[in-house]
Amino acid sequence: MHIAEKVVILDFGSQYTQLIARKVRELGVYAELHPYSISEEQLRALEPRGIILSGSPSSVDEENAPHPSFNVFDCGVPVLGICYGLQLVGTSFGGSVGTAARREYGRAHLQIDNDEDLLRDVPQNSQVWMSHADKLAEPPAGFSIIGHTESAPICVLRSADKRVFGVQFHPEVHHTAAGKKILGNFLFGICHCSGGWSPETFIEASIRDLRAQLGEDGVICALSGGVDSTVAAILLHRAIGDKLHCIHIDNGLMRKGESARVVELFKEHFKISIDFVDAGAIFLERLAGVSDPEKKRKIIGNTFIEIFEREARAFPDSKWLAQGTLYPDVIESVSFKGPSATIKSHHNVGGLPERMNFKLVEPFRELFKDEVRNVGRALNVPEDFIRRHPFPGPGLAIRVPGELSQERLNILREADVIYIEEIRRAGLYDDIWQAFAVLLPVQSVGVMGDYRTYEYVCALRAVTSTDGMTADWYPMPYDVLGRISNRIINEVRGINRVTYDISSKPPATIEWE
């Protein structure tokens, strides 16, 4: 997508690099991440209004430390170095870096020595977040120190003439109180950005670009009912209308009423045609007797591809396959860490592009998850749909450990509905990243109405997270747990015991299989 106004972030390996892009975009300026190894020609072709140098776990003076192959300060635009980026600024202009007496990690308080530009309107003694082992020992000639902390006498550096700045702390993290203000000063006061990056401008530009990219070709979208594929389909329909062909396959592993709701949303709310394929019997037949979770996943994936291929033949005009690839997927598919290996190669629909010879259209490959949700809101996707918790590709198959059966799936569906209803009723749903029920392959003795029962155990899981890579168990209030347990045991035939999972990730995973 062509964006008239952008800032480029060069990634040197910091764990916070994606946060820089998110914060810049929150301020209304489009930001792109690129590896520090980008060529000068590639960087200039992007025509950035400014450049931000990220942090890094490396030391600037160590062997094989990440360094650009050209002088980024000659590109004619303002540059802001963060942490390692500050040290790169210092050494590039003749300053020196040394090892700090002690590694500084955590909170510090910024003393402002000059508030003309980068630190304009930043409160004195403002909290900042440090994470470094090295420090700039001597500033380069022509640079002035405009901020310091107790442990970092050279904490904020600038050369007004060169329009080059550096900060030792991380303005992109939540713990830096005035971080967005500092980034805003750089973007608007120094780079003279006008802002205007928003879901609405993204939609407008995307529709224009999609029409130019697709022409008169048709597009097939495998609609799972998740947020990404749903919003992608609605955006594509805005661009190409009835040349979009949506296919929803009910694999028999969906939550209660899920497939019907997806079809209704598209047909009734958005007036978008969708082909519904009821394939539950095929999936369950092939999964019969299978208890190994990896075998389940492979059977589900292969069966999905087979059915999707069959259904796609009905649309010979379609040359494109729509995927909900997000920006983090793109980032993870490229090595941003110098000599290290690629993190992963990403394909949202496993195997489909290679096997079906479609060209890919990925309207969200420049967006983060929260930005997709905001685009969905701008496209009038119902809010309760936008805020839905993640749902795994294999569906309920991995929430019924052991062998699957229609009976066990139905028991789980009923328990899951009650669980979600109660956390919504308690106003907790939006505080939780993901919540779901698991039907364990364990039966226990119980007593109901003076009769002995021997029924299944249901485990409840709820976690908080930002990206699913790590997660903490959610401290569910006891009274809410009590109501959920009572309802499940009393209303769901087949369950007589409820437990709550208090494992964090790591060492546990979020899903049970």
Protein backbone atom coordinates (compact mmCIF):
# COMPACT_ATOMS: atom_id res chain seq x y z
CA MET A 1 0.00 0.00 0.00
CA HIS A 2 1.28 3.47 -0.87
CA ILE A 3 1.24 5.74 2.17
CA ALA A 4 2.15 9.36 1.56
CA GLU A 5 3.53 9.94 5.06
CA LYS A 6 5.50 7.31 6.94
CA VAL A 7 8.21 6.82 9.52
CA VAL A 8 10.65 3.92 9.18
CA ILE A 9 11.83 1.98 12.23
CA LEU A 10 15.09 0.09 11.80
CA ASP A 11 15.06 -3.03 13.97
CA PHE A 12 18.29 -3.99 15.72
CA GLY A 13 16.72 -6.82 17.71
CA SER A 14 14.94 -5.18 20.64
CA GLN A 15 12.06 -7.00 22.31
CA TYR A 16 10.20 -3.67 22.21
CA THR A 17 10.54 -2.87 18.49
CA GLN A 18 6.95 -3.72 17.59
CA LEU A 19 5.81 -1.46 20.43
CA ILE A 20 7.52 1.50 18.75
CA ALA A 21 5.48 0.94 15.59
CA ARG A 22 2.26 0.55 17.57
CA LYS A 23 2.86 3.77 19.54
CA VAL A 24 3.72 5.76 16.41
CA ARG A 25 0.56 4.51 14.69
CA GLU A 26 -1.52 5.32 17.77
CA LEU A 27 -0.31 8.90 17.30
CA GLY A 28 -1.75 8.90 13.77
CA VAL A 29 1.45 8.38 11.78
CA TYR A 30 2.02 5.27 9.69
CA ALA A 31 5.17 3.37 10.75
CA GLU A 32 6.93 0.49 9.03
CA LEU A 33 9.48 -1.90 10.54
CA HIS A 34 12.50 -2.90 8.48
CA PRO A 35 15.65 -4.85 9.42
CA TYR A 36 18.74 -2.75 10.09
CA SER A 37 20.31 -4.52 7.08
CA ILE A 38 18.02 -2.70 4.63
CA SER A 39 19.96 -1.18 1.74
CA GLU A 40 20.32 2.55 1.28
CA GLU A 41 18.39 2.36 -1.99
CA GLN A 42 15.50 0.52 -0.33
CA LEU A 43 15.36 2.97 2.56
CA ARG A 44 15.42 6.05 0.33
CA ALA A 45 12.72 4.54 -1.90
CA LEU A 46 10.40 4.43 1.13
CA GLU A 47 10.67 8.24 1.37
CA PRO A 48 10.32 8.37 5.17
CA ARG A 49 9.61 11.57 7.05
CA GLY A 50 11.83 10.28 9.85
CA ILE A 51 13.85 7.28 10.99
CA ILE A 52 13.81 5.60 14.41
CA LEU A 53 16.65 3.28 15.48
CA SER A 54 15.46 0.58 17.88
CA GLY A 55 17.15 -0.93 20.88
CA SER A 56 19.15 -4.16 20.77
CA PRO A 57 20.50 -6.85 23.11
CA SER A 58 23.94 -6.25 21.53
CA SER A 59 26.69 -3.80 22.44
CA VAL A 60 27.63 -1.39 19.67
CA ASP A 61 31.36 -2.13 20.00
CA GLU A 62 31.18 -5.93 20.12
CA GLU A 63 32.13 -8.13 17.20
CA ASN A 64 29.20 -8.77 14.83
CA ALA A 65 27.12 -6.06 16.46
CA PRO A 66 24.31 -4.96 14.13
CA HIS A 67 25.27 -1.89 12.10
CA PRO A 68 23.68 -0.50 8.92
CA SER A 69 25.84 -0.89 5.80
CA PHE A 70 25.52 2.84 5.05
CA ASN A 71 25.25 6.12 6.94
CA VAL A 72 21.56 6.46 7.80
CA PHE A 73 22.23 9.99 9.04
CA ASP A 74 22.87 11.07 5.44
CA CYS A 75 19.29 10.38 4.35
CA GLY A 76 18.24 13.97 4.96
CA VAL A 77 15.50 13.25 7.51
CA PRO A 78 15.42 13.45 11.31
CA VAL A 79 16.69 10.40 13.24
CA LEU A 80 15.77 9.26 16.77
CA GLY A 81 17.90 6.57 18.41
CA ILE A 82 16.41 4.56 21.29
CA CYS A 83 18.72 2.84 23.83
CA TYR A 84 21.13 0.95 21.52
CA GLY A 85 20.05 3.50 18.92
CA LEU A 86 21.35 6.32 21.15
CA GLN A 87 24.68 4.56 21.46
CA LEU A 88 24.79 4.08 17.69
CA VAL A 89 24.17 7.80 17.28
CA GLY A 90 26.98 8.55 19.72
CA THR A 91 29.61 6.29 18.18
CA SER A 92 28.65 7.26 14.61
CA PHE A 93 29.54 10.88 15.32
CA GLY A 94 32.72 10.25 17.33
CA GLY A 95 31.44 9.69 20.87
CA SER A 96 32.40 6.71 23.02
CA VAL A 97 30.44 3.96 24.74
CA GLY A 98 31.43 2.18 27.94
CA THR A 99 30.02 -0.52 30.18
CA ALA A 100 27.80 0.86 32.91
CA ALA A 101 28.93 0.31 36.50
CA ARG A 102 25.76 -1.72 36.92
CA ARG A 103 23.12 -2.80 34.48
CA GLU A 104 20.20 -0.40 34.68
CA TYR A 105 16.81 -2.00 34.32
CA GLY A 106 13.49 -0.55 35.38
CA ARG A 107 12.26 2.80 36.57
CA ALA A 108 14.31 5.99 36.59
CA HIS A 109 13.37 9.66 36.74
CA LEU A 110 14.25 12.09 33.97
CA GLN A 111 15.73 15.48 34.74
CA ILE A 112 15.21 17.83 31.81
CA ASP A 113 18.04 20.18 30.87
CA ASN A 114 16.51 21.61 27.67
CA ASP A 115 12.85 21.44 26.64
CA GLU A 116 12.99 23.20 23.28
CA ASP A 117 11.96 20.34 21.02
CA LEU A 118 12.16 16.61 21.83
CA LEU A 119 11.32 17.15 25.52
CA ARG A 120 8.83 19.98 25.03
CA ASP A 121 6.05 19.87 27.68
CA VAL A 122 7.50 16.74 29.30
CA PRO A 123 7.17 17.09 33.10
CA GLN A 124 10.33 17.43 35.15
CA ASN A 125 11.22 14.26 37.09
CA SER A 126 9.05 12.18 34.74
CA GLN A 127 9.31 8.40 35.11
CA VAL A 128 11.16 6.56 32.30
CA TRP A 129 11.95 2.88 31.72
CA MET A 130 15.58 1.79 31.38
CA SER A 131 16.98 -1.47 30.00
CA HIS A 132 20.69 -1.29 29.22
CA ALA A 133 24.12 -2.55 30.26
CA ASP A 134 26.17 -0.01 28.26
CA LYS A 135 26.10 3.75 28.40
CA LEU A 136 27.32 6.65 26.31
CA ALA A 137 30.48 7.73 28.11
CA GLU A 138 31.40 10.77 25.97
CA PRO A 139 28.97 12.69 23.77
CA PRO A 140 30.16 13.46 20.22
CA ALA A 141 31.18 16.96 19.23
CA GLY A 142 28.27 19.14 18.20
CA PHE A 143 25.76 17.29 20.39
CA SER A 144 24.24 18.60 23.60
CA ILE A 145 22.88 16.72 26.60
CA ILE A 146 19.25 17.74 27.10
CA GLY A 147 18.23 15.19 29.75
CA HIS A 148 19.80 13.03 32.44
CA THR A 149 18.92 10.61 35.25
CA GLU A 150 20.74 9.80 38.45
CA SER A 151 22.45 6.78 36.85
CA ALA A 152 22.68 8.05 33.26
CA PRO A 153 24.29 11.50 32.98
CA ILE A 154 23.87 11.29 29.19
CA CYS A 155 20.25 10.19 28.90
CA VAL A 156 18.89 12.41 26.11
CA LEU A 157 21.11 13.72 23.34
CA ARG A 158 20.50 16.03 20.42
CA SER A 159 22.08 17.84 17.54
CA ALA A 160 19.56 20.43 16.38
CA ASP A 161 21.61 21.22 13.27
CA LYS A 162 21.81 17.58 12.19
CA ARG A 163 18.26 16.83 13.40
CA VAL A 164 19.60 13.75 15.20
CA PHE A 165 18.37 12.76 18.66
CA GLY A 166 18.86 9.88 21.09
CA VAL A 167 17.26 8.65 24.31
CA GLN A 168 18.74 6.03 26.64
CA PHE A 169 15.32 4.93 27.91
CA HIS A 170 12.38 3.33 26.07
CA PRO A 171 9.64 5.87 25.27
CA GLU A 172 7.55 3.15 23.60
CA VAL A 173 6.78 1.20 26.78
CA HIS A 174 3.87 1.93 29.11
CA HIS A 175 6.15 2.54 32.10
CA THR A 176 7.65 5.67 30.49
CA ALA A 177 5.03 8.14 31.63
CA ALA A 178 5.57 10.77 28.90
CA GLY A 179 6.67 8.30 26.21
CA LYS A 180 3.90 9.13 23.75
CA LYS A 181 4.51 12.84 24.28
CA ILE A 182 8.22 12.42 23.45
CA LEU A 183 7.45 10.35 20.35
CA GLY A 184 4.82 12.92 19.37
CA ASN A 185 7.36 15.73 19.70
CA PHE A 186 9.66 13.84 17.36
CA LEU A 187 6.93 13.05 14.82
CA PHE A 188 5.14 16.38 14.71
CA GLY A 189 7.59 18.98 16.02
CA ILE A 190 10.77 17.62 14.42
CA CYS A 191 9.68 15.47 11.44
CA HIS A 192 6.71 17.78 10.73
CA CYS A 193 4.30 14.91 10.17
CA SER A 194 0.66 15.89 9.80
CA GLY A 195 -0.86 12.66 11.15
CA GLY A 196 -4.07 11.33 9.71
CA TRP A 197 -3.30 7.60 9.75
CA SER A 198 -6.56 6.02 10.92
CA PRO A 199 -8.85 3.05 10.22
CA GLU A 200 -10.87 5.25 7.87
CA THR A 201 -7.87 6.36 5.82
CA PHE A 202 -6.64 2.75 5.74
CA ILE A 203 -10.02 1.57 4.40
CA GLU A 204 -10.09 4.27 1.74
CA ALA A 205 -6.54 3.51 0.55
CA SER A 206 -7.12 -0.26 0.70
CA ILE A 207 -10.23 -0.15 -1.45
CA ARG A 208 -8.38 1.88 -4.07
CA ASP A 209 -5.37 -0.46 -4.01
CA LEU A 210 -7.44 -3.66 -4.00
CA ARG A 211 -9.40 -2.56 -7.05
CA ALA A 212 -6.17 -1.82 -8.90
CA GLN A 213 -4.58 -5.11 -7.79
CA LEU A 214 -7.51 -7.43 -8.51
CA GLY A 215 -9.06 -5.90 -11.60
CA GLU A 216 -11.98 -8.06 -12.76
CA ASP A 217 -10.67 -11.24 -11.08
CA GLY A 218 -12.67 -13.09 -8.47
CA VAL A 219 -11.42 -13.73 -4.92
CA ILE A 220 -12.13 -16.69 -2.65
CA CYS A 221 -12.13 -16.18 1.10
CA ALA A 222 -12.08 -19.11 3.52
CA LEU A 223 -14.25 -17.63 6.22
CA SER A 224 -13.57 -19.16 9.63
CA GLY A 225 -15.69 -16.66 11.52
CA GLY A 226 -12.69 -15.22 13.34
CA VAL A 227 -12.07 -11.47 13.51
CA ASP A 228 -9.32 -11.34 10.87
CA SER A 229 -11.09 -13.31 8.13
CA THR A 230 -14.42 -11.61 8.87
CA VAL A 231 -13.07 -8.06 8.62
CA ALA A 232 -10.95 -8.97 5.56
CA ALA A 233 -14.02 -10.34 3.77
CA ILE A 234 -16.07 -7.22 4.51
CA LEU A 235 -13.28 -4.94 3.29
CA LEU A 236 -12.86 -6.98 0.10
CA HIS A 237 -16.60 -6.87 -0.53
CA ARG A 238 -16.48 -3.07 -0.25
CA ALA A 239 -13.76 -3.11 -2.92
CA ILE A 240 -14.95 -5.73 -5.43
CA GLY A 241 -18.55 -6.54 -4.52
CA ASP A 242 -19.93 -9.82 -5.80
CA LYS A 243 -16.58 -10.90 -7.24
CA LEU A 244 -15.82 -12.02 -3.67
CA HIS A 245 -16.79 -15.63 -2.93
CA CYS A 246 -16.90 -16.54 0.77
CA ILE A 247 -16.88 -20.17 1.87
CA HIS A 248 -17.58 -21.24 5.44
CA ILE A 249 -16.94 -24.86 6.33
CA ASP A 250 -18.59 -26.19 9.49
CA ASN A 251 -16.22 -28.93 10.57
CA GLY A 252 -18.45 -30.07 13.41
CA LEU A 253 -15.94 -28.66 15.87
CA MET A 254 -17.39 -25.16 16.23
CA ARG A 255 -18.93 -23.67 19.36
CA LYS A 256 -22.68 -23.84 19.83
CA GLY A 257 -24.47 -21.83 17.14
CA GLU A 258 -21.18 -20.52 15.73
CA SER A 259 -21.63 -21.40 12.07
CA ALA A 260 -25.23 -20.24 11.98
CA ARG A 261 -24.18 -16.91 13.47
CA VAL A 262 -21.39 -16.42 10.92
CA VAL A 263 -23.76 -17.09 8.02
CA GLU A 264 -26.41 -14.80 9.48
CA LEU A 265 -23.90 -11.99 10.03
CA PHE A 266 -22.83 -12.05 6.40
CA LYS A 267 -26.20 -12.63 4.76
CA GLU A 268 -28.42 -10.49 6.97
CA HIS A 269 -26.12 -7.81 8.40
CA PHE A 270 -23.73 -7.27 5.48
CA LYS A 271 -25.75 -8.68 2.56
CA ILE A 272 -22.71 -10.71 1.46
CA SER A 273 -23.22 -14.08 -0.21
CA ILE A 274 -21.60 -16.97 1.62
CA ASP A 275 -21.48 -20.65 0.73
CA PHE A 276 -22.10 -22.80 3.81
CA VAL A 277 -20.67 -26.32 3.80
CA ASP A 278 -21.80 -28.73 6.51
CA ALA A 279 -18.87 -31.14 6.71
CA GLY A 280 -19.13 -32.16 10.36
CA ALA A 281 -19.85 -35.81 9.61
CA ILE A 282 -16.76 -36.15 7.41
CA PHE A 283 -14.44 -34.61 10.02
CA LEU A 284 -15.82 -36.69 12.90
CA GLU A 285 -15.62 -39.87 10.85
CA ARG A 286 -11.93 -39.26 10.10
CA LEU A 287 -11.20 -38.29 13.71
CA ALA A 288 -12.88 -41.37 15.18
CA GLY A 289 -10.55 -43.30 17.48
CA VAL A 290 -7.78 -40.63 17.25
CA SER A 291 -6.50 -39.29 20.59
CA ASP A 292 -3.07 -37.86 19.71
CA PRO A 293 -3.44 -34.04 19.46
CA GLU A 294 -0.96 -33.66 16.59
CA LYS A 295 -2.73 -36.34 14.57
CA LYS A 296 -6.01 -34.54 15.22
CA ARG A 297 -4.56 -31.28 13.90
CA LYS A 298 -3.21 -32.91 10.74
CA ILE A 299 -6.46 -34.72 10.00
CA ILE A 300 -8.44 -31.52 10.48
CA GLY A 301 -6.04 -29.47 8.31
CA ASN A 302 -5.89 -32.00 5.48
CA THR A 303 -9.65 -32.53 5.46
CA PHE A 304 -10.25 -28.78 5.40
CA ILE A 305 -7.94 -28.38 2.39
CA GLU A 306 -9.63 -31.24 0.57
CA ILE A 307 -13.13 -29.82 1.07
CA PHE A 308 -12.05 -26.27 0.33
CA GLU A 309 -10.44 -27.39 -2.95
CA ARG A 310 -13.64 -29.12 -3.94
CA GLU A 311 -15.83 -26.13 -3.15
CA ALA A 312 -13.47 -23.66 -4.85
CA ARG A 313 -13.98 -25.35 -8.22
CA ALA A 314 -17.41 -23.75 -8.36
CA PHE A 315 -15.76 -20.33 -8.84
CA PRO A 316 -13.58 -20.59 -11.96
CA ASP A 317 -13.30 -16.79 -12.21
CA SER A 318 -11.36 -16.67 -8.94
CA LYS A 319 -7.63 -16.15 -9.30
CA TRP A 320 -6.94 -14.95 -5.76
CA LEU A 321 -7.08 -16.40 -2.27
CA ALA A 322 -7.72 -13.94 0.57
CA GLN A 323 -5.72 -14.45 3.76
CA GLY A 324 -5.86 -12.62 7.07
CA THR A 325 -2.08 -12.28 7.39
CA LEU A 326 -1.18 -9.63 9.97
CA TYR A 327 1.91 -7.44 10.29
CA PRO A 328 3.44 -9.52 13.11
CA ASP A 329 3.21 -12.54 10.78
CA VAL A 330 5.16 -10.62 8.13
CA ILE A 331 7.72 -9.47 10.68
CA GLU A 332 8.21 -13.02 11.99
CA SER A 333 8.72 -14.29 8.44
CA VAL A 334 11.79 -12.08 8.02
CA SER A 335 15.02 -12.23 10.01
CA PHE A 336 15.29 -8.94 11.90
CA LYS A 337 18.04 -10.17 14.16
CA GLY A 338 21.20 -9.80 12.09
CA PRO A 339 22.84 -13.15 11.44
CA SER A 340 20.11 -15.17 13.17
CA ALA A 341 17.78 -17.48 11.29
CA THR A 342 14.30 -16.57 10.13
CA ILE A 343 11.85 -16.92 13.02
CA LYS A 344 9.18 -18.68 10.97
CA SER A 345 7.63 -18.79 7.54
CA HIS A 346 3.99 -17.90 7.86
CA HIS A 347 0.95 -19.07 5.90
CA ASN A 348 -2.46 -18.44 7.45
CA VAL A 349 -4.17 -21.24 5.57
CA GLY A 350 -1.71 -24.11 5.82
CA GLY A 351 -0.87 -25.58 2.42
CA LEU A 352 -3.55 -23.81 0.38
CA PRO A 353 -1.44 -21.40 -1.70
CA GLU A 354 1.02 -24.08 -2.88
CA ARG A 355 -1.64 -26.68 -3.64
CA MET A 356 -4.22 -24.47 -5.31
CA ASN A 357 -2.06 -22.10 -7.36
CA PHE A 358 -3.93 -19.00 -6.25
CA LYS A 359 -2.28 -15.64 -5.99
CA LEU A 360 -2.52 -14.23 -2.48
CA VAL A 361 -4.32 -11.06 -1.48
CA GLU A 362 -3.54 -10.01 2.10
CA PRO A 363 -5.26 -6.72 2.93
CA PHE A 364 -4.06 -6.70 6.55
CA ARG A 365 -0.40 -7.55 6.11
CA GLU A 366 0.47 -4.02 7.32
CA LEU A 367 -1.78 -4.04 10.41
CA PHE A 368 -1.53 -5.21 14.01
CA LYS A 369 -4.38 -7.16 15.60
CA ASP A 370 -5.80 -4.18 17.46
CA GLU A 371 -5.74 -2.16 14.23
CA VAL A 372 -7.76 -4.87 12.46
CA ARG A 373 -10.32 -4.64 15.25
CA ASN A 374 -10.50 -0.86 14.73
CA VAL A 375 -10.93 -1.32 10.98
CA GLY A 376 -13.75 -3.74 11.77
CA ARG A 377 -15.41 -1.10 13.94
CA ALA A 378 -15.12 1.43 11.11
CA LEU A 379 -16.75 -1.15 8.80
CA ASN A 380 -19.64 -1.51 11.28
CA VAL A 381 -18.85 -5.05 12.36
CA PRO A 382 -20.87 -5.63 15.57
CA GLU A 383 -18.84 -4.82 18.66
CA ASP A 384 -19.45 -8.14 20.39
CA PHE A 385 -18.02 -9.86 17.30
CA ILE A 386 -14.96 -7.56 17.23
CA ARG A 387 -14.10 -8.22 20.87
CA ARG A 388 -14.37 -12.00 20.67
CA HIS A 389 -11.68 -14.10 22.30
CA PRO A 390 -9.33 -16.07 20.00
CA PHE A 391 -10.58 -19.47 18.86
CA PRO A 392 -8.15 -22.18 17.70
CA GLY A 393 -8.13 -23.47 14.12
CA PRO A 394 -8.80 -27.09 15.19
CA GLY A 395 -11.75 -25.82 17.21
CA LEU A 396 -13.18 -27.91 20.03
CA ALA A 397 -11.11 -30.92 18.96
CA ILE A 398 -8.25 -29.71 21.16
CA ARG A 399 -10.60 -28.86 24.03
CA VAL A 400 -11.79 -32.45 24.26
CA PRO A 401 -8.56 -34.30 25.12
CA GLY A 402 -8.57 -37.90 23.99
CA GLU A 403 -10.96 -39.44 21.48
CA LEU A 404 -13.76 -37.30 20.08
CA SER A 405 -17.43 -38.15 19.95
CA GLN A 406 -20.53 -36.16 19.11
CA GLU A 407 -21.75 -36.71 22.68
CA ARG A 408 -18.61 -35.28 24.29
CA LEU A 409 -18.55 -32.31 21.88
CA ASN A 410 -22.16 -31.49 22.69
CA ILE A 411 -21.50 -31.67 26.44
CA LEU A 412 -18.57 -29.27 26.03
CA ARG A 413 -20.60 -26.85 23.90
CA GLU A 414 -23.25 -26.53 26.59
CA ALA A 415 -20.68 -25.97 29.34
CA ASP A 416 -18.79 -23.42 27.24
CA VAL A 417 -21.94 -21.39 26.58
CA ILE A 418 -22.67 -21.14 30.31
CA TYR A 419 -19.06 -20.17 31.09
CA ILE A 420 -18.99 -17.33 28.56
CA GLU A 421 -22.48 -16.14 29.54
CA GLU A 422 -21.47 -15.84 33.18
CA ILE A 423 -18.18 -13.99 32.64
CA ARG A 424 -20.02 -11.57 30.34
CA ARG A 425 -22.74 -11.11 32.96
CA ALA A 426 -20.04 -10.35 35.56
CA GLY A 427 -18.47 -7.74 33.24
CA LEU A 428 -15.19 -9.67 33.03
CA TYR A 429 -15.15 -10.76 29.39
CA ASP A 430 -13.12 -7.81 28.09
CA ASP A 431 -10.60 -8.13 30.94
CA ILE A 432 -9.74 -11.66 29.80
CA TRP A 433 -7.67 -12.43 26.70
CA GLN A 434 -9.10 -15.91 26.28
CA ALA A 435 -11.57 -18.03 28.23
CA PHE A 436 -12.88 -21.49 27.43
CA ALA A 437 -14.00 -24.80 28.89
CA VAL A 438 -12.26 -28.17 28.48
CA LEU A 439 -13.97 -31.54 28.83
CA LEU A 440 -11.46 -33.87 30.45
CA PRO A 441 -11.20 -37.59 29.60
CA VAL A 442 -11.78 -38.22 33.31
CA GLN A 443 -14.93 -39.29 35.12
CA SER A 444 -15.56 -38.89 38.81
CA VAL A 445 -18.11 -40.04 41.36
CA GLY A 446 -20.81 -37.60 42.40
CA VAL A 447 -24.22 -37.48 44.08
CA MET A 448 -27.28 -35.91 42.48
CA GLY A 449 -30.71 -36.29 44.05
CA ASP A 450 -29.60 -39.19 46.27
CA TYR A 451 -28.29 -41.02 43.19
CA ARG A 452 -24.69 -41.92 42.52
CA THR A 453 -23.29 -40.37 39.33
CA TYR A 454 -20.15 -41.15 37.40
CA GLU A 455 -19.67 -38.30 34.96
CA TYR A 456 -17.10 -36.06 33.28
CA VAL A 457 -14.91 -33.35 34.79
CA CYS A 458 -14.98 -29.88 33.19
CA ALA A 459 -11.92 -27.62 33.48
CA LEU A 460 -12.28 -23.86 33.08
CA ARG A 461 -9.43 -21.81 31.65
CA ALA A 462 -9.04 -18.01 31.55
CA VAL A 463 -5.84 -16.08 30.84
CA THR A 464 -4.56 -12.56 30.37
CA SER A 465 -2.06 -11.89 27.60
CA THR A 466 -1.08 -9.38 24.93
CA ASP A 467 -0.08 -11.69 22.09
CA GLY A 468 -0.54 -15.25 23.31
CA MET A 469 3.22 -15.86 23.52
CA THR A 470 3.09 -15.65 27.30
CA ALA A 471 0.02 -15.67 29.54
CA ASP A 472 -1.02 -15.46 33.19
CA TRP A 473 -4.05 -17.20 34.63
CA TYR A 474 -6.88 -14.83 35.37
CA PRO A 475 -7.81 -14.42 39.07
CA MET A 476 -11.49 -15.22 38.63
CA PRO A 477 -13.58 -14.01 41.58
CA TYR A 478 -14.79 -16.88 43.76
CA ASP A 479 -18.43 -15.86 43.55
CA VAL A 480 -18.29 -15.91 39.74
CA LEU A 481 -16.59 -19.32 39.76
CA GLY A 482 -19.28 -20.55 42.13
CA ARG A 483 -22.10 -19.45 39.85
CA ILE A 484 -20.43 -20.97 36.80
CA SER A 485 -19.80 -24.28 38.56
CA ASN A 486 -23.36 -24.50 39.91
CA ARG A 487 -24.90 -23.79 36.53
CA ILE A 488 -22.72 -26.26 34.62
CA ILE A 489 -23.29 -29.09 37.08
CA ASN A 490 -27.02 -28.43 37.33
CA GLU A 491 -27.72 -27.70 33.66
CA VAL A 492 -25.30 -29.84 31.66
CA ARG A 493 -26.09 -33.53 31.74
CA GLY A 494 -22.81 -35.46 31.79
CA ILE A 495 -20.71 -33.18 34.07
CA ASN A 496 -20.63 -33.50 37.85
CA ARG A 497 -17.37 -31.72 38.72
CA VAL A 498 -15.78 -28.38 37.69
CA THR A 499 -12.15 -27.29 38.21
CA TYR A 500 -10.27 -24.04 37.45
CA ASP A 501 -6.87 -24.07 35.70
CA ILE A 502 -4.34 -21.74 37.39
CA SER A 503 -1.33 -22.54 35.18
CA SER A 504 0.62 -19.79 33.44
CA LYS A 505 2.38 -19.92 30.07
CA PRO A 506 5.15 -20.95 30.29
CA PRO A 507 5.42 -23.70 31.47
CA ALA A 508 1.87 -24.63 30.44
CA THR A 509 0.31 -23.70 27.11
CA ILE A 510 -2.95 -21.77 26.88
CA GLU A 511 -4.84 -24.58 25.15
CA TRP A 512 -4.73 -28.06 26.68
CA GLU A 513 -3.70 -29.78 23.45
